[in-house]
C-alpha atoms as a PDB file:
ATOM      1  CA  UNK A   1     -29.915 -40.987  30.180  1.00  0.00           C
ATOM      2  CA  UNK A   2     -28.129 -43.784  28.377  1.00  0.00           C
ATOM      3  CA  UNK A   3     -28.785 -42.199  24.972  1.00  0.00           C
ATOM      4  CA  UNK A   4     -27.297 -38.877  26.091  1.00  0.00           C
ATOM      5  CA  UNK A   5     -24.155 -40.618  27.344  1.00  0.00           C
ATOM      6  CA  UNK A   6     -23.662 -42.509  24.096  1.00  0.00           C
ATOM      7  CA  UNK A   7     -24.277 -39.368  22.063  1.00  0.00           C
ATOM      8  CA  UNK A   8     -21.724 -37.452  24.124  1.00  0.00           C
ATOM      9  CA  UNK A   9     -19.137 -40.191  23.683  1.00  0.00           C
ATOM     10  CA  UNK A  10     -19.708 -40.331  19.928  1.00  0.00           C
ATOM     11  CA  UNK A  11     -19.416 -36.551  19.648  1.00  0.00           C
ATOM     12  CA  UNK A  12     -16.199 -36.514  21.682  1.00  0.00           C
ATOM     13  CA  UNK A  13     -14.714 -39.243  19.500  1.00  0.00           C
ATOM     14  CA  UNK A  14     -15.739 -37.327  16.385  1.00  0.00           C
ATOM     15  CA  UNK A  15     -14.167 -34.141  17.766  1.00  0.00           C
ATOM     16  CA  UNK A  16     -10.955 -35.986  18.645  1.00  0.00           C
ATOM     17  CA  UNK A  17     -10.735 -37.512  15.159  1.00  0.00           C
ATOM     18  CA  UNK A  18     -11.392 -34.098  13.576  1.00  0.00           C
ATOM     19  CA  UNK A  19      -8.685 -32.377  15.631  1.00  0.00           C
ATOM     20  CA  UNK A  20      -6.162 -35.168  15.043  1.00  0.00           C
ATOM     21  CA  UNK A  21      -6.935 -35.161  11.332  1.00  0.00           C
ATOM     22  CA  UNK A  22      -6.497 -31.408  11.059  1.00  0.00           C
ATOM     23  CA  UNK A  23      -3.167 -31.576  12.903  1.00  0.00           C
ATOM     24  CA  UNK A  24      -1.952 -34.381  10.634  1.00  0.00           C
ATOM     25  CA  UNK A  25      -3.124 -32.478   7.563  1.00  0.00           C
ATOM     26  CA  UNK A  26      -1.283 -29.362   8.750  1.00  0.00           C
ATOM     27  CA  UNK A  27       1.908 -31.362   9.299  1.00  0.00           C
ATOM     28  CA  UNK A  28       1.570 -32.938   5.843  1.00  0.00           C
ATOM     29  CA  UNK A  29       0.971 -29.593   4.145  1.00  0.00           C
ATOM     30  CA  UNK A  30       3.775 -27.872   6.074  1.00  0.00           C
ATOM     31  CA  UNK A  31       6.314 -30.458   4.937  1.00  0.00           C
ATOM     32  CA  UNK A  32       5.650 -29.772   1.258  1.00  0.00           C
ATOM     33  CA  UNK A  33       8.395 -28.067  -0.745  1.00  0.00           C
ATOM     34  CA  UNK A  34       6.425 -24.882  -1.359  1.00  0.00           C
ATOM     35  CA  UNK A  35       5.644 -22.626   1.544  1.00  0.00           C
ATOM     36  CA  UNK A  36       2.045 -21.829   0.534  1.00  0.00           C
ATOM     37  CA  UNK A  37       0.377 -25.242   1.075  1.00  0.00           C
ATOM     38  CA  UNK A  38       1.296 -25.114   4.757  1.00  0.00           C
ATOM     39  CA  UNK A  39      -0.364 -21.726   5.130  1.00  0.00           C
ATOM     40  CA  UNK A  40      -3.777 -22.865   3.865  1.00  0.00           C
ATOM     41  CA  UNK A  41      -5.171 -24.018   7.223  1.00  0.00           C
ATOM     42  CA  UNK A  42      -3.888 -21.011   9.221  1.00  0.00           C
ATOM     43  CA  UNK A  43      -5.396 -18.636   6.654  1.00  0.00           C
ATOM     44  CA  UNK A  44      -8.718 -20.498   6.715  1.00  0.00           C
ATOM     45  CA  UNK A  45      -8.751 -20.455  10.522  1.00  0.00           C
ATOM     46  CA  UNK A  46      -8.016 -16.720  10.534  1.00  0.00           C
ATOM     47  CA  UNK A  47     -10.762 -16.007   8.014  1.00  0.00           C
ATOM     48  CA  UNK A  48     -13.193 -18.051  10.082  1.00  0.00           C
ATOM     49  CA  UNK A  49     -12.314 -16.015  13.179  1.00  0.00           C
ATOM     50  CA  UNK A  50     -12.988 -12.826  11.211  1.00  0.00           C
ATOM     51  CA  UNK A  51     -16.367 -14.181  10.109  1.00  0.00           C
ATOM     52  CA  UNK A  52     -17.195 -14.978  13.736  1.00  0.00           C
ATOM     53  CA  UNK A  53     -16.195 -11.473  14.824  1.00  0.00           C
ATOM     54  CA  UNK A  54     -18.130  -9.746  12.039  1.00  0.00           C
ATOM     55  CA  UNK A  55     -21.211 -11.817  12.770  1.00  0.00           C
ATOM     56  CA  UNK A  56     -21.578 -10.175  16.181  1.00  0.00           C
ATOM     57  CA  UNK A  57     -24.802  -8.224  15.877  1.00  0.00           C
ATOM     58  CA  UNK A  58     -24.985  -4.609  17.010  1.00  0.00           C
ATOM     59  CA  UNK A  59     -27.465  -4.244  19.855  1.00  0.00           C
ATOM     60  CA  UNK A  60     -29.343  -0.955  20.319  1.00  0.00           C
ATOM     61  CA  UNK A  61     -27.205   0.772  17.719  1.00  0.00           C
ATOM     62  CA  UNK A  62     -23.963   0.147  19.581  1.00  0.00           C
ATOM     63  CA  UNK A  63     -21.075  -2.096  18.684  1.00  0.00           C
ATOM     64  CA  UNK A  64     -20.495  -4.909  21.219  1.00  0.00           C
ATOM     65  CA  UNK A  65     -16.715  -4.638  21.562  1.00  0.00           C
ATOM     66  CA  UNK A  66     -16.481  -7.323  24.247  1.00  0.00           C
ATOM     67  CA  UNK A  67     -17.952 -10.157  22.165  1.00  0.00           C
ATOM     68  CA  UNK A  68     -16.040  -9.019  19.080  1.00  0.00           C
ATOM     69  CA  UNK A  69     -12.747  -9.056  21.007  1.00  0.00           C
ATOM     70  CA  UNK A  70     -13.595 -12.425  22.546  1.00  0.00           C
ATOM     71  CA  UNK A  71     -14.355 -13.845  19.087  1.00  0.00           C
ATOM     72  CA  UNK A  72     -11.059 -12.566  17.747  1.00  0.00           C
ATOM     73  CA  UNK A  73      -9.017 -13.908  20.652  1.00  0.00           C
ATOM     74  CA  UNK A  74     -10.709 -17.286  20.981  1.00  0.00           C
ATOM     75  CA  UNK A  75     -11.156 -17.697  17.245  1.00  0.00           C
ATOM     76  CA  UNK A  76      -7.461 -17.250  16.571  1.00  0.00           C
ATOM     77  CA  UNK A  77      -6.318 -20.000  18.929  1.00  0.00           C
ATOM     78  CA  UNK A  78      -6.445 -22.574  16.080  1.00  0.00           C
ATOM     79  CA  UNK A  79      -4.649 -20.074  13.829  1.00  0.00           C
ATOM     80  CA  UNK A  80      -1.796 -19.752  16.317  1.00  0.00           C
ATOM     81  CA  UNK A  81      -1.708 -23.528  16.798  1.00  0.00           C
ATOM     82  CA  UNK A  82      -1.491 -24.138  13.032  1.00  0.00           C
ATOM     83  CA  UNK A  83       1.232 -21.495  12.675  1.00  0.00           C
ATOM     84  CA  UNK A  84       3.294 -23.120  15.434  1.00  0.00           C
ATOM     85  CA  UNK A  85       3.072 -26.444  13.590  1.00  0.00           C
ATOM     86  CA  UNK A  86       3.929 -24.708  10.307  1.00  0.00           C
ATOM     87  CA  UNK A  87       7.054 -22.973  11.628  1.00  0.00           C
ATOM     88  CA  UNK A  88       8.193 -26.106  13.474  1.00  0.00           C
ATOM     89  CA  UNK A  89       7.966 -28.156  10.277  1.00  0.00           C
ATOM     90  CA  UNK A  90       9.541 -25.462   8.112  1.00  0.00           C
ATOM     91  CA  UNK A  91      12.577 -25.275  10.418  1.00  0.00           C
ATOM     92  CA  UNK A  92      13.932 -28.390   8.686  1.00  0.00           C
ATOM     93  CA  UNK A  93      13.816 -26.644   5.311  1.00  0.00           C
ATOM     94  CA  UNK A  94      15.575 -23.589   6.714  1.00  0.00           C
ATOM     95  CA  UNK A  95      18.393 -25.709   8.136  1.00  0.00           C
ATOM     96  CA  UNK A  96      18.722 -27.641   4.882  1.00  0.00           C
ATOM     97  CA  UNK A  97      18.907 -24.363   2.930  1.00  0.00           C
ATOM     98  CA  UNK A  98      21.654 -23.031   5.189  1.00  0.00           C
ATOM     99  CA  UNK A  99      23.552 -26.319   4.870  1.00  0.00           C
ATOM    100  CA  UNK A 100      23.324 -26.134   1.081  1.00  0.00           C
ATOM    101  CA  UNK A 101      24.620 -22.556   1.136  1.00  0.00           C
ATOM    102  CA  UNK A 102      27.557 -23.621   3.309  1.00  0.00           C
ATOM    103  CA  UNK A 103      28.385 -26.485   0.944  1.00  0.00           C
ATOM    104  CA  UNK A 104      28.277 -24.139  -2.054  1.00  0.00           C
ATOM    105  CA  UNK A 105      30.585 -21.693  -0.275  1.00  0.00           C
ATOM    106  CA  UNK A 106      33.019 -24.509   0.546  1.00  0.00           C
ATOM    107  CA  UNK A 107      33.374 -25.337  -3.131  1.00  0.00           C
END
């Protein structure tokens, strides 16, 4: 029982570090000058959700729409999370661009 508890704790710590690292990486990539680096993780998460949905095996010649829909909905939660971080970080660039346009118009 003690081994299972330690294994669970180690796995939870690993999961927490992985999630925190991916969030920090998304913030770092979203703050880059170009817009494409910040879209790498959302695109990868979306592609992974498509792979999960397409990997649903057809049973008895029918297509299991329930599991496919569940894979698409649950698989795109990280995609939506990464996009929220992306648009929140890119808001600063949008404001700076508008400020620069206003300064150019004032001249």
